[in-house]
Protein backbone atom coordinates (compact mmCIF):
# COMPACT_ATOMS: atom_id res chain seq x y z
CA MET A 1 0.17 0.10 0.17
CA ALA A 2 1.85 3.33 -0.90
CA HIS A 3 0.45 6.60 -0.33
CA ILE A 4 0.08 8.82 -3.74
CA LEU A 5 -0.26 12.23 -4.27
CA ILE A 6 -2.28 13.41 -7.22
CA ALA A 7 -1.34 16.95 -8.45
CA ASP A 8 -3.83 17.82 -11.16
CA ASP A 9 -5.93 20.73 -12.17
CA ASP A 10 -8.60 18.39 -13.78
CA ASP A 11 -10.87 17.24 -11.08
CA LEU A 12 -12.36 14.50 -13.32
CA ILE A 13 -8.87 12.84 -14.26
CA ALA A 14 -7.83 13.15 -10.29
CA GLU A 15 -11.16 11.10 -9.45
CA ILE A 16 -10.49 8.48 -12.02
CA VAL A 17 -6.83 7.80 -11.08
CA GLY A 18 -7.81 8.00 -7.23
CA GLU A 19 -10.44 5.12 -7.95
CA ALA A 20 -8.21 3.18 -10.12
CA LEU A 21 -5.16 3.48 -7.36
CA ALA A 22 -7.82 2.75 -4.05
CA ALA A 23 -9.32 -0.27 -6.26
CA ALA A 24 -5.31 -1.26 -6.21
CA GLY A 25 -5.11 -0.67 -2.49
CA HIS A 26 -3.31 2.48 -2.79
CA PRO A 27 -4.88 5.44 -1.05
CA SER A 28 -4.32 8.80 -2.53
CA ARG A 29 -5.23 12.61 -2.12
CA HIS A 30 -5.66 15.24 -4.45
CA VAL A 31 -4.60 18.92 -4.86
CA PRO A 32 -5.48 21.11 -7.81
CA SER A 33 -1.99 23.13 -8.34
CA ALA A 34 1.98 22.38 -8.09
CA GLU A 35 1.75 25.23 -5.49
CA ALA A 36 -0.83 23.27 -3.21
CA ALA A 37 1.39 20.01 -4.18
CA TRP A 38 4.56 21.64 -2.89
CA GLU A 39 2.59 22.36 0.39
CA SER A 40 1.34 18.96 0.56
CA VAL A 41 4.34 17.33 0.33
CA HIS A 42 6.01 19.31 3.20
CA ALA A 43 3.03 18.64 5.41
CA SER A 44 2.84 14.70 4.57
CA ARG A 45 5.30 13.02 2.65
CA PRO A 46 3.66 10.89 -0.08
CA ASP A 47 5.22 7.67 -1.63
CA LEU A 48 4.93 8.81 -5.01
CA LEU A 49 3.57 12.12 -6.90
CA LEU A 50 1.86 11.90 -10.13
CA LEU A 51 1.79 15.40 -11.26
CA ASP A 52 0.31 16.76 -14.24
CA ARG A 53 2.97 18.50 -16.44
CA ASP A 54 0.68 21.44 -17.37
CA MET A 55 -0.92 23.66 -14.81
CA PRO A 56 -2.39 26.91 -14.40
CA GLY A 57 0.00 29.04 -12.25
CA MET A 58 3.29 27.08 -11.08
CA PRO A 59 4.30 24.36 -14.22
CA GLY A 60 4.53 20.79 -13.29
CA LEU A 61 8.12 20.91 -14.48
CA ALA A 62 8.92 23.81 -12.24
CA LEU A 63 7.71 21.67 -9.28
CA LEU A 64 9.69 19.01 -10.11
CA ALA A 65 12.49 21.03 -10.59
CA ARG A 66 11.98 22.31 -6.96
CA LEU A 67 11.75 18.96 -5.67
CA ARG A 68 14.76 17.68 -6.99
CA ALA A 69 16.97 20.45 -5.76
CA SER A 70 15.19 20.38 -2.32
CA ALA A 71 17.41 18.60 0.52
CA LEU A 72 14.24 16.70 2.30
CA LEU A 73 12.46 15.97 -1.24
CA PHE A 74 15.14 15.07 -3.96
CA ASP A 75 14.29 11.50 -3.93
CA LEU A 76 10.41 11.53 -4.29
CA PRO A 77 9.51 9.35 -7.06
CA VAL A 78 7.47 11.45 -9.13
CA VAL A 79 5.48 10.26 -12.41
CA ILE A 80 4.35 12.95 -14.93
CA LEU A 81 0.78 12.87 -16.56
CA THR A 82 -0.04 15.16 -19.46
CA ALA A 83 -2.00 15.65 -22.14
CA MET A 84 0.96 17.20 -24.00
CA ARG A 85 1.81 15.31 -27.32
CA GLY A 86 5.26 17.16 -28.41
CA ALA A 87 8.18 14.93 -29.53
CA GLY A 88 10.48 16.50 -27.08
CA ASP A 89 8.05 16.49 -24.17
CA GLU A 90 8.58 13.05 -22.57
CA GLY A 91 12.56 13.30 -22.62
CA GLU A 92 12.23 17.07 -21.34
CA ALA A 93 10.35 15.33 -18.25
CA LEU A 94 12.69 12.44 -18.02
CA ARG A 95 15.83 14.68 -17.77
CA ALA A 96 14.09 17.03 -15.01
CA GLY A 97 14.28 14.10 -13.00
CA ALA A 98 10.71 12.24 -13.46
CA GLN A 99 10.71 8.30 -13.18
CA ASP A 100 7.93 7.91 -15.47
CA PHE A 101 5.82 10.02 -18.07
CA ILE A 102 2.27 9.12 -18.74
CA ARG A 103 0.19 10.63 -21.56
CA LYS A 104 -3.66 11.35 -21.34
CA PRO A 105 -5.35 9.38 -22.18
CA PHE A 106 -4.67 6.76 -20.49
CA ASP A 107 -5.86 3.56 -19.27
CA PRO A 108 -6.36 3.25 -15.51
CA ALA A 109 -5.22 0.07 -15.04
CA ALA A 110 -2.03 0.36 -16.99
CA LEU A 111 -1.30 3.81 -15.19
CA VAL A 112 -1.65 1.88 -11.83
CA ARG A 113 0.95 -1.09 -12.93
CA ARG A 114 3.20 2.05 -14.45
CA ILE A 115 2.99 3.36 -10.84
CA GLU A 116 3.51 0.34 -9.01
CA ALA A 117 6.64 -0.23 -11.20
CA VAL A 118 8.06 3.27 -10.37
CA LEU A 119 7.56 2.27 -6.65
CA GLU A 120 8.98 -0.89 -6.84
CA ALA A 121 12.38 0.64 -8.33
CA GLY A 122 12.50 3.43 -6.16
CA VAL A 123 14.62 6.32 -7.08
CA LYS A 124 18.26 5.36 -7.80
CA PRO A 125 21.02 8.25 -6.89
CA TRP A 126 21.59 10.59 -9.72
CA ALA A 127 18.88 9.08 -12.06
CA THR A 128 17.55 12.58 -11.58
CA ALA A 129 20.69 14.04 -13.32
CA CYS A 130 19.76 12.27 -16.87
CA GLY A 131 21.93 8.95 -15.48
CA GLU A 132 22.97 5.97 -17.66
CA ASP A 133 19.91 4.10 -16.69
CA ARG A 134 18.01 7.21 -17.94
CA CYS A 135 19.65 8.56 -21.27
CA GLY A 136 22.40 6.17 -22.20
CA ALA A 137 25.53 8.00 -21.00
CA SER A 138 26.92 8.73 -17.95
CA SER A 139 26.65 12.31 -16.52
CA ASP A 140 29.87 14.07 -15.68
CA ARG A 141 28.89 13.77 -11.94
CA GLN A 142 28.62 9.96 -11.87
CA ARG A 143 31.81 9.57 -13.82
CA HIS A 144 33.55 11.82 -11.37
CA LEU A 145 32.47 9.83 -8.52
CA SER A 146 33.28 6.38 -10.21
CA GLU A 147 36.64 7.47 -11.17
CA PRO A 148 39.74 6.63 -8.86
CA ARG A 149 41.13 9.66 -6.95
CA ARG A 150 44.39 10.01 -8.30
CA ALA A 151 47.37 11.38 -6.01
């Protein structure tokens, strides 16, 4: 049982997702904005944040950047849920530190399976910096950390 925070300005989407998560045994709560999500994750840290990419006010990717820069929340698993269809949208979200990217419309059962896969995998160190497992090439920081020190 994982506690999921749904940050989406579309109440119907949040209701559909919440029902699918509840049927799979995962309680959820809904907030309508990235600002409210920021406050909510500080008040009660969820096991995963399902984040709409495009909301009024602060965009979802701006919240994701704040989370990744936070000493307390950098490792919070985030799945982006969006209606955006641009060719580079998924890559941009993954490079920003999302663990998965799901396009609307979606199959609720498939969404739950993907959320559960992210929860099972957890957040790996430096996955938020476009590491090997995310982009196919090591980041400079990973390379630096893995190289032996020279005297």
